[in-house]
C-alpha atoms as a PDB file:
ATOM      1  CA  MET A   1       0.000   0.000   0.000  1.00  0.00           C
ATOM      2  CA  SER A   2       1.388   3.417  -0.999  1.00  0.00           C
ATOM      3  CA  PHE A   3       0.663   6.624   0.838  1.00  0.00           C
ATOM      4  CA  GLY A   4       1.822   8.917  -1.963  1.00  0.00           C
ATOM      5  CA  GLN A   5       5.276   9.279  -0.490  1.00  0.00           C
ATOM      6  CA  PHE A   6       7.328  12.279  -1.484  1.00  0.00           C
ATOM      7  CA  GLY A   7      11.013  11.649  -2.169  1.00  0.00           C
ATOM      8  CA  GLY A   8      12.326  14.981  -1.020  1.00  0.00           C
ATOM      9  CA  PHE A   9      12.928  17.147   2.012  1.00  0.00           C
ATOM     10  CA  PHE A  10      11.714  20.189   3.905  1.00  0.00           C
ATOM     11  CA  VAL A  11      14.093  23.138   3.849  1.00  0.00           C
ATOM     12  CA  ASP A  12      15.042  24.664   7.204  1.00  0.00           C
ATOM     13  CA  SER A  13      16.301  28.194   7.825  1.00  0.00           C
ATOM     14  CA  CYS A  14      19.776  26.876   8.649  1.00  0.00           C
ATOM     15  CA  VAL A  15      19.966  25.673   5.021  1.00  0.00           C
ATOM     16  CA  LEU A  16      18.729  29.000   3.660  1.00  0.00           C
ATOM     17  CA  LEU A  17      21.028  31.312   5.633  1.00  0.00           C
ATOM     18  CA  PRO A  18      24.621  30.034   5.455  1.00  0.00           C
ATOM     19  CA  HIS A  19      25.665  32.462   2.735  1.00  0.00           C
ATOM     20  CA  PRO A  20      27.294  35.906   2.885  1.00  0.00           C
ATOM     21  CA  LEU A  21      24.807  38.766   3.250  1.00  0.00           C
ATOM     22  CA  GLU A  22      25.423  40.240  -0.211  1.00  0.00           C
ATOM     23  CA  SER A  23      24.525  36.984  -1.918  1.00  0.00           C
ATOM     24  CA  MET A  24      22.061  35.489   0.571  1.00  0.00           C
ATOM     25  CA  THR A  25      18.931  36.125  -1.499  1.00  0.00           C
ATOM     26  CA  LYS A  26      20.611  35.017  -4.718  1.00  0.00           C
ATOM     27  CA  ALA A  27      22.041  31.855  -3.129  1.00  0.00           C
ATOM     28  CA  CYS A  28      18.713  30.950  -1.465  1.00  0.00           C
ATOM     29  CA  SER A  29      16.831  31.447  -4.724  1.00  0.00           C
ATOM     30  CA  ALA A  30      19.364  29.356  -6.653  1.00  0.00           C
ATOM     31  CA  PHE A  31      19.191  26.581  -4.036  1.00  0.00           C
ATOM     32  CA  LEU A  32      15.391  26.493  -4.105  1.00  0.00           C
ATOM     33  CA  LYS A  33      15.276  26.589  -7.909  1.00  0.00           C
ATOM     34  CA  GLU A  34      17.846  23.812  -8.213  1.00  0.00           C
ATOM     35  CA  ASN A  35      15.935  21.640  -5.752  1.00  0.00           C
ATOM     36  CA  GLU A  36      12.364  22.733  -6.510  1.00  0.00           C
ATOM     37  CA  GLU A  37      11.199  19.233  -7.360  1.00  0.00           C
ATOM     38  CA  ARG A  38      12.661  17.732  -4.200  1.00  0.00           C
ATOM     39  CA  CYS A  39      12.148  20.331  -1.481  1.00  0.00           C
ATOM     40  CA  ILE A  40       9.324  22.129   0.245  1.00  0.00           C
ATOM     41  CA  LEU A  41       9.691  25.549   1.840  1.00  0.00           C
ATOM     42  CA  CYS A  42       7.161  25.989   4.622  1.00  0.00           C
ATOM     43  CA  SER A  43       5.884  29.480   5.317  1.00  0.00           C
ATOM     44  CA  THR A  44       6.962  29.057   8.944  1.00  0.00           C
ATOM     45  CA  VAL A  45      10.569  28.442   7.866  1.00  0.00           C
ATOM     46  CA  LYS A  46      10.490  31.482   5.592  1.00  0.00           C
ATOM     47  CA  ASP A  47       9.073  33.566   8.453  1.00  0.00           C
ATOM     48  CA  GLU A  48      11.702  32.198  10.852  1.00  0.00           C
ATOM     49  CA  ALA A  49      14.532  33.115   8.463  1.00  0.00           C
ATOM     50  CA  LEU A  50      13.199  36.638   7.902  1.00  0.00           C
ATOM     51  CA  ASN A  51      12.593  37.075  11.645  1.00  0.00           C
ATOM     52  CA  LEU A  52      16.158  35.970  12.424  1.00  0.00           C
ATOM     53  CA  ILE A  53      17.555  38.493   9.969  1.00  0.00           C
ATOM     54  CA  GLU A  54      15.336  41.281  11.331  1.00  0.00           C
ATOM     55  CA  ARG A  55      16.128  40.544  14.995  1.00  0.00           C
ATOM     56  CA  SER A  56      19.847  40.347  14.290  1.00  0.00           C
ATOM     57  CA  TYR A  57      19.812  43.590  12.328  1.00  0.00           C
ATOM     58  CA  SER A  58      17.739  45.449  14.930  1.00  0.00           C
ATOM     59  CA  THR A  59      19.955  44.326  17.813  1.00  0.00           C
ATOM     60  CA  ILE A  60      23.177  45.196  16.015  1.00  0.00           C
ATOM     61  CA  VAL A  61      21.977  48.621  14.866  1.00  0.00           C
ATOM     62  CA  HIS A  62      20.635  49.455  18.328  1.00  0.00           C
ATOM     63  CA  ASN A  63      23.952  48.439  19.924  1.00  0.00           C
ATOM     64  CA  PHE A  64      25.916  50.407  17.377  1.00  0.00           C
ATOM     65  CA  ARG A  65      23.869  53.565  17.857  1.00  0.00           C
ATOM     66  CA  SER A  66      23.797  53.431  21.642  1.00  0.00           C
ATOM     67  CA  LYS A  67      27.379  52.374  22.350  1.00  0.00           C
ATOM     68  CA  LEU A  68      29.685  53.832  19.694  1.00  0.00           C
ATOM     69  CA  LYS A  69      29.598  57.483  20.733  1.00  0.00           C
ATOM     70  CA  PRO A  70      30.126  56.749  24.485  1.00  0.00           C
ATOM     71  CA  PHE A  71      32.946  54.343  23.589  1.00  0.00           C
ATOM     72  CA  LEU A  72      34.732  56.948  21.475  1.00  0.00           C
ATOM     73  CA  GLU A  73      34.203  59.713  24.040  1.00  0.00           C
ATOM     74  CA  LYS A  74      35.669  57.459  26.735  1.00  0.00           C
ATOM     75  CA  GLN A  75      38.747  57.120  24.507  1.00  0.00           C
ATOM     76  CA  GLY A  76      38.930  60.920  24.275  1.00  0.00           C
ATOM     77  CA  ILE A  77      37.826  61.019  20.640  1.00  0.00           C
ATOM     78  CA  ILE A  78      35.359  63.763  19.727  1.00  0.00           C
ATOM     79  CA  GLU A  79      36.021  63.703  15.960  1.00  0.00           C
ATOM     80  CA  LEU A  80      36.963  60.795  13.729  1.00  0.00           C
ATOM     81  CA  THR A  81      39.824  60.957  11.250  1.00  0.00           C
ATOM     82  CA  ASN A  82      41.284  58.489   8.770  1.00  0.00           C
ATOM     83  CA  ARG A  83      43.743  57.488  11.524  1.00  0.00           C
ATOM     84  CA  ASP A  84      41.071  56.083  13.861  1.00  0.00           C
ATOM     85  CA  GLY A  85      40.761  52.669  12.214  1.00  0.00           C
ATOM     86  CA  ARG A  86      42.414  50.805  15.077  1.00  0.00           C
ATOM     87  CA  ILE A  87      40.064  52.231  17.732  1.00  0.00           C
ATOM     88  CA  MET A  88      37.047  51.431  15.545  1.00  0.00           C
ATOM     89  CA  SER A  89      38.349  47.887  15.135  1.00  0.00           C
ATOM     90  CA  GLN A  90      38.531  47.565  18.928  1.00  0.00           C
ATOM     91  CA  PHE A  91      34.926  48.755  19.186  1.00  0.00           C
ATOM     92  CA  PHE A  92      33.699  46.200  16.646  1.00  0.00           C
ATOM     93  CA  GLN A  93      35.636  43.358  18.268  1.00  0.00           C
ATOM     94  CA  GLY A  94      34.015  44.170  21.609  1.00  0.00           C
ATOM     95  CA  GLN A  95      30.576  44.360  20.020  1.00  0.00           C
ATOM     96  CA  LYS A  96      31.060  40.991  18.325  1.00  0.00           C
ATOM     97  CA  ARG A  97      31.905  39.413  21.681  1.00  0.00           C
ATOM     98  CA  ASN A  98      28.859  41.027  23.348  1.00  0.00           C
ATOM     99  CA  LEU A  99      26.495  40.014  20.563  1.00  0.00           C
ATOM    100  CA  GLN A 100      27.466  36.351  20.749  1.00  0.00           C
ATOM    101  CA  VAL A 101      25.199  36.120  23.773  1.00  0.00           C
ATOM    102  CA  ARG A 102      22.357  38.389  22.599  1.00  0.00           C
ATOM    103  CA  VAL A 103      21.747  37.220  19.006  1.00  0.00           C
ATOM    104  CA  PRO A 104      21.029  33.575  18.133  1.00  0.00           C
ATOM    105  CA  ARG A 105      24.013  31.704  16.699  1.00  0.00           C
ATOM    106  CA  ARG A 106      21.924  29.378  14.579  1.00  0.00           C
ATOM    107  CA  THR A 107      23.336  30.961  11.442  1.00  0.00           C
ATOM    108  CA  ASN A 108      26.070  33.358  10.427  1.00  0.00           C
ATOM    109  CA  VAL A 109      23.587  36.227   9.910  1.00  0.00           C
ATOM    110  CA  ARG A 110      24.796  38.145  12.972  1.00  0.00           C
ATOM    111  CA  ASN A 111      28.415  38.121  11.828  1.00  0.00           C
ATOM    112  CA  GLU A 112      27.496  39.013   8.250  1.00  0.00           C
ATOM    113  CA  ILE A 113      25.486  42.060   9.327  1.00  0.00           C
ATOM    114  CA  MET A 114      28.174  43.209  11.782  1.00  0.00           C
ATOM    115  CA  GLY A 115      30.844  42.685   9.123  1.00  0.00           C
ATOM    116  CA  ALA A 116      28.897  44.722   6.569  1.00  0.00           C
ATOM    117  CA  ILE A 117      28.555  47.634   9.023  1.00  0.00           C
ATOM    118  CA  GLU A 118      32.223  47.391   9.999  1.00  0.00           C
ATOM    119  CA  ASN A 119      33.309  47.430   6.337  1.00  0.00           C
ATOM    120  CA  TYR A 120      31.109  50.449   5.644  1.00  0.00           C
ATOM    121  CA  VAL A 121      32.566  52.387   8.580  1.00  0.00           C
ATOM    122  CA  ALA A 122      36.130  51.427   7.605  1.00  0.00           C
ATOM    123  CA  GLN A 123      35.551  52.569   4.010  1.00  0.00           C
ATOM    124  CA  ARG A 124      34.124  55.877   5.211  1.00  0.00           C
ATOM    125  CA  LEU A 125      37.096  56.465   7.538  1.00  0.00           C
ATOM    126  CA  HIS A 126      39.673  55.529   4.919  1.00  0.00           C
ATOM    127  CA  SER A 127      38.000  57.787   2.354  1.00  0.00           C
ATOM    128  CA  LEU A 128      38.564  60.862   4.555  1.00  0.00           C
ATOM    129  CA  LYS A 129      41.408  63.007   3.296  1.00  0.00           C
ATOM    130  CA  ASP A 130      44.282  63.693   5.682  1.00  0.00           C
ATOM    131  CA  GLY A 131      43.228  66.438   8.050  1.00  0.00           C
ATOM    132  CA  SER A 132      39.512  65.888   7.412  1.00  0.00           C
ATOM    133  CA  LYS A 133      37.370  65.072  10.408  1.00  0.00           C
ATOM    134  CA  MET A 134      33.936  63.545  10.936  1.00  0.00           C
ATOM    135  CA  GLN A 135      31.886  64.850  13.855  1.00  0.00           C
ATOM    136  CA  LEU A 136      30.520  62.252  16.292  1.00  0.00           C
ATOM    137  CA  THR A 137      27.157  63.991  16.152  1.00  0.00           C
ATOM    138  CA  ILE A 138      26.474  62.378  12.767  1.00  0.00           C
ATOM    139  CA  LEU A 139      26.742  58.957  14.364  1.00  0.00           C
END
């Protein structure tokens, strides 16, 4: 007796989210297209993946906004220059350690989002001409 068995699998969010942030959507779409005849994507898994991304992003952005300025002021920095890369690196390393506890480690989403923000800040700092300064009030 056959029960109409399906020879495939259900996709979980841990399968959908192992890719770097820039290519996450593209990689997920390619995976699902390649396996469309063998896999099922439940709406709950899709919601879980999107929720994980949103929670990670919200937590990281909140931390960044609330802690960067006090951190820099404690270091005696009131304006950023292109020579402040090392201090910014220290800030991001500390934030990565703190976020390990606060954001689920089920996927690499947390690190990808933090890395994208860190790269953006580093590019902005390195693009400042010598002698140019960025006020902390814009942070």
